Amino acid sequence: MIQLSQVSKRYPNGHEALKSVSLEIAQGEMVFVTGHSGAGKSTLFKLITRIERPTQGQVLVDGKNLGRLPERKIPALRREIGVIFQDHKLLMDRSVFDNVALPLIVLGMPRNEIAKRVRAALGKVGLHGKEKQLPITLSGGEQQRVGIARAVINRPSILLADEPTGNLDEDLSDEIMDIFADFNQVGVTVLIATHDLRQIERMGKRTLHLNEGALIEHG
């Protein structure tokens, strides 16, 4: 599903964010990525979503070599990948419904189909009935759930989560991780970057450890 072969990424300022990283994540696997701030976790996610290209090596997602992927095919690739951010990146002046619906509105999907999908996505993350509320009226955990609902609205085959529980207490962190586990149970490939060692131990999944851009542990 996701394969990196001897991948390095050097930015124009000379910083080498990844150094000869090789890894493979199977379809339907749930994997944690850990490491200090600046270890290369975010760069790894940017390569998988083709926001960045590697300086050396190959990145394959679902058999596609992203280095050779034509620009016109990048939107289709990104529709297969849902991304969840620590800071939610929600539009605070738009309703929960509008936030979750945004990817489908961009695609020009019919309004009745959008409404059906939004309700289903919110139901999966435990936010049924919150469609009309503004995100600013929700708790941090609920805002994160809105972000997850938006990430899964396209029914992606891959979910990437960047520090999704960083600002949450233990109980809310458990709830968010359990949502990811639920999606993984139905075949979604889940990759989570986190510093939360308690969650890594609790979930009992494979862990990749990055240190200064190098993959030092396959866990």
Protein backbone atom coordinates (compact mmCIF):
# COMPACT_ATOMS: atom_id res chain seq x y z
CA MET A 1 0.00 0.00 0.00
CA ILE A 2 2.75 2.48 1.03
CA GLN A 3 6.36 1.76 0.14
CA LEU A 4 9.46 3.92 0.45
CA SER A 5 12.75 2.74 -1.08
CA GLN A 6 15.94 4.55 -0.03
CA VAL A 7 14.09 7.86 0.24
CA SER A 8 15.92 11.05 1.15
CA LYS A 9 14.53 14.57 1.28
CA ARG A 10 16.76 17.62 1.35
CA TYR A 11 15.12 21.05 1.45
CA PRO A 12 16.56 24.08 -0.41
CA ASN A 13 18.03 25.44 2.86
CA GLY A 14 20.18 22.29 3.09
CA HIS A 15 18.19 20.60 5.85
CA GLU A 16 18.02 16.84 5.25
CA ALA A 17 14.61 15.87 6.64
CA LEU A 18 14.78 12.19 5.65
CA LYS A 19 17.87 10.05 5.08
CA SER A 20 17.71 6.82 3.04
CA VAL A 21 14.41 5.69 4.55
CA SER A 22 12.99 2.37 3.39
CA LEU A 23 9.71 1.05 4.78
CA GLU A 24 6.59 -0.82 3.77
CA ILE A 25 3.08 -0.50 5.17
CA ALA A 26 0.63 -3.19 4.09
CA GLN A 27 -2.92 -2.53 3.00
CA GLY A 28 -5.20 -2.51 6.04
CA GLU A 29 -2.35 -2.06 8.54
CA MET A 30 -2.35 0.44 11.42
CA VAL A 31 1.11 1.86 12.15
CA PHE A 32 2.49 4.51 14.50
CA VAL A 33 5.36 6.85 13.59
CA THR A 34 7.26 8.37 16.47
CA GLY A 35 10.34 10.55 16.94
CA HIS A 36 11.40 13.93 18.28
CA SER A 37 10.11 17.19 16.82
CA GLY A 38 11.87 17.65 13.48
CA ALA A 39 12.65 13.93 13.13
CA GLY A 40 10.96 13.80 9.73
CA LYS A 41 7.41 12.66 10.53
CA SER A 42 5.65 15.55 8.79
CA THR A 43 7.97 15.29 5.77
CA LEU A 44 7.08 11.61 5.50
CA PHE A 45 3.38 12.53 5.34
CA LYS A 46 4.06 15.25 2.75
CA LEU A 47 5.82 12.72 0.52
CA ILE A 48 2.94 10.24 0.80
CA THR A 49 0.43 12.93 -0.23
CA ARG A 50 2.75 14.26 -2.97
CA ILE A 51 2.93 17.71 -1.38
CA GLU A 52 6.69 17.16 -1.55
CA ARG A 53 8.86 15.00 -3.81
CA PRO A 54 11.85 13.01 -2.57
CA THR A 55 15.34 14.21 -3.43
CA GLN A 56 16.32 10.57 -3.89
CA GLY A 57 14.51 7.25 -3.86
CA GLN A 58 11.00 6.11 -4.68
CA VAL A 59 7.64 6.60 -2.97
CA LEU A 60 4.90 4.18 -4.03
CA VAL A 61 1.28 4.47 -2.89
CA ASP A 62 -1.11 1.75 -4.00
CA GLY A 63 1.41 0.72 -6.65
CA LYS A 64 1.76 4.22 -8.09
CA ASN A 65 5.24 5.76 -8.27
CA LEU A 66 4.53 9.28 -6.99
CA GLY A 67 7.70 10.65 -8.57
CA ARG A 68 6.27 9.81 -12.00
CA LEU A 69 2.66 10.71 -11.27
CA PRO A 70 1.33 13.34 -13.73
CA GLU A 71 0.06 16.57 -12.14
CA ARG A 72 -3.48 15.87 -13.43
CA LYS A 73 -3.61 12.63 -11.37
CA ILE A 74 -2.56 14.18 -8.04
CA PRO A 75 -6.13 15.22 -7.03
CA ALA A 76 -7.33 11.61 -7.50
CA LEU A 77 -4.42 10.37 -5.35
CA ARG A 78 -5.30 12.83 -2.59
CA ARG A 79 -8.95 11.76 -2.60
CA GLU A 80 -7.70 8.31 -1.59
CA ILE A 81 -5.86 9.78 1.43
CA GLY A 82 -7.60 11.40 4.40
CA VAL A 83 -5.42 13.70 6.52
CA ILE A 84 -6.11 14.70 10.14
CA PHE A 85 -4.18 17.55 11.76
CA GLN A 86 -3.47 18.29 15.42
CA ASP A 87 -4.90 21.82 15.10
CA HIS A 88 -7.99 20.58 13.20
CA LYS A 89 -7.74 23.28 10.46
CA LEU A 90 -11.48 23.90 10.65
CA LEU A 91 -13.33 26.92 9.27
CA MET A 92 -14.63 28.46 12.49
CA ASP A 93 -17.22 30.67 10.74
CA ARG A 94 -18.83 27.68 8.97
CA SER A 95 -21.08 25.02 10.45
CA VAL A 96 -19.93 21.51 11.25
CA PHE A 97 -21.92 20.35 8.20
CA ASP A 98 -20.12 22.79 5.88
CA ASN A 99 -16.70 21.85 7.26
CA VAL A 100 -17.26 18.14 6.72
CA ALA A 101 -18.95 18.66 3.33
CA LEU A 102 -16.17 20.85 1.90
CA PRO A 103 -14.23 18.12 0.03
CA LEU A 104 -17.44 16.95 -1.65
CA ILE A 105 -18.55 20.49 -2.51
CA VAL A 106 -15.19 20.98 -4.25
CA LEU A 107 -15.90 17.82 -6.27
CA GLY A 108 -19.31 19.17 -7.31
CA MET A 109 -21.22 16.27 -5.77
CA PRO A 110 -25.05 16.62 -5.70
CA ARG A 111 -26.36 18.25 -2.52
CA ASN A 112 -28.55 15.31 -1.50
CA GLU A 113 -25.61 12.89 -1.77
CA ILE A 114 -23.42 15.32 0.22
CA ALA A 115 -26.03 15.51 3.00
CA LYS A 116 -26.26 11.71 3.17
CA ARG A 117 -22.48 11.30 3.36
CA VAL A 118 -22.02 14.06 5.95
CA ARG A 119 -24.61 12.53 8.25
CA ALA A 120 -22.98 9.11 7.89
CA ALA A 121 -19.47 10.49 8.59
CA LEU A 122 -20.64 12.43 11.65
CA GLY A 123 -22.42 9.33 12.92
CA LYS A 124 -19.22 7.30 12.65
CA VAL A 125 -17.32 9.77 14.85
CA GLY A 126 -20.12 10.20 17.40
CA LEU A 127 -21.30 13.68 16.37
CA HIS A 128 -24.81 12.89 15.14
CA GLY A 129 -27.04 15.96 15.54
CA LYS A 130 -24.16 18.47 15.65
CA GLU A 131 -24.44 19.46 11.95
CA LYS A 132 -25.64 23.03 12.53
CA GLN A 133 -23.23 23.97 15.31
CA LEU A 134 -20.17 26.12 14.76
CA PRO A 135 -16.85 24.40 15.56
CA ILE A 136 -15.97 27.12 18.05
CA THR A 137 -18.87 25.94 20.26
CA LEU A 138 -17.44 22.41 20.43
CA SER A 139 -14.84 20.93 22.78
CA GLY A 140 -11.33 20.14 21.56
CA GLY A 141 -12.18 16.45 21.29
CA GLU A 142 -15.33 17.21 19.30
CA GLN A 143 -13.40 19.52 16.96
CA GLN A 144 -10.93 16.71 16.33
CA ARG A 145 -13.86 14.42 15.50
CA VAL A 146 -15.10 16.97 12.95
CA GLY A 147 -11.63 16.89 11.39
CA ILE A 148 -11.76 13.09 11.22
CA ALA A 149 -15.25 13.14 9.67
CA ARG A 150 -14.00 15.56 7.00
CA ALA A 151 -10.98 13.33 6.35
CA VAL A 152 -13.12 10.22 5.78
CA ILE A 153 -15.93 11.86 3.77
CA ASN A 154 -14.33 10.75 0.49
CA ARG A 155 -14.13 7.17 1.85
CA PRO A 156 -10.32 7.08 1.50
CA SER A 157 -8.30 3.89 1.62
CA ILE A 158 -5.54 5.59 3.68
CA LEU A 159 -5.76 7.81 6.78
CA LEU A 160 -2.79 9.92 7.91
CA ALA A 161 -3.04 11.55 11.34
CA ASP A 162 -0.42 14.06 12.49
CA GLU A 163 -0.36 14.27 16.32
CA PRO A 164 -4.16 13.83 16.51
CA THR A 165 -4.28 13.59 20.32
CA GLY A 166 -1.59 16.15 21.16
CA ASN A 167 -3.95 18.63 22.85
CA LEU A 168 -6.37 16.16 24.44
CA ASP A 169 -6.59 14.57 27.88
CA GLU A 170 -6.19 10.80 28.31
CA ASP A 171 -9.88 9.89 28.07
CA LEU A 172 -10.42 11.93 24.90
CA SER A 173 -7.18 10.57 23.44
CA ASP A 174 -8.46 7.05 24.01
CA GLU A 175 -11.74 7.89 22.26
CA ILE A 176 -9.98 9.39 19.22
CA MET A 177 -7.57 6.46 18.90
CA ASP A 178 -10.46 4.03 19.16
CA ILE A 179 -12.14 5.81 16.23
CA PHE A 180 -8.99 5.26 14.15
CA ALA A 181 -8.98 1.61 15.21
CA ASP A 182 -12.62 1.29 14.10
CA PHE A 183 -11.74 2.58 10.62
CA ASN A 184 -8.77 0.23 10.52
CA GLN A 185 -11.07 -2.68 11.39
CA VAL A 186 -13.00 -2.11 8.15
CA GLY A 187 -9.83 -2.17 6.04
CA VAL A 188 -8.57 1.42 6.05
CA THR A 189 -4.77 1.75 6.22
CA VAL A 190 -3.97 4.07 9.15
CA LEU A 191 -0.67 5.87 9.79
CA ILE A 192 -0.42 7.99 12.94
CA ALA A 193 2.45 10.30 13.88
CA THR A 194 2.49 10.76 17.65
CA HIS A 195 4.59 11.43 20.74
CA ASP A 196 1.97 9.68 22.88
CA LEU A 197 3.81 6.58 24.10
CA ARG A 198 0.86 5.57 26.27
CA GLN A 199 -1.34 5.28 23.18
CA ILE A 200 1.33 3.37 21.26
CA GLU A 201 1.55 0.86 24.11
CA ARG A 202 -2.24 0.69 24.54
CA MET A 203 -2.96 0.04 20.86
CA GLY A 204 -0.20 -2.56 20.43
CA LYS A 205 0.50 -1.77 16.78
CA ARG A 206 3.76 -1.68 14.83
CA THR A 207 5.87 1.43 15.46
CA LEU A 208 8.34 3.19 13.16
CA HIS A 209 10.85 5.40 14.98
CA LEU A 210 12.54 8.30 13.19
CA ASN A 211 15.63 10.04 14.53
CA GLU A 212 17.10 13.04 12.69
CA GLY A 213 15.58 11.82 9.45
CA ALA A 214 16.73 8.21 9.73
CA LEU A 215 14.48 5.23 10.38
CA ILE A 216 16.15 3.54 13.33
CA GLU A 217 13.45 1.18 14.53
CA HIS A 218 10.79 -0.85 12.71
CA GLY A 219 9.08 -2.01 15.91
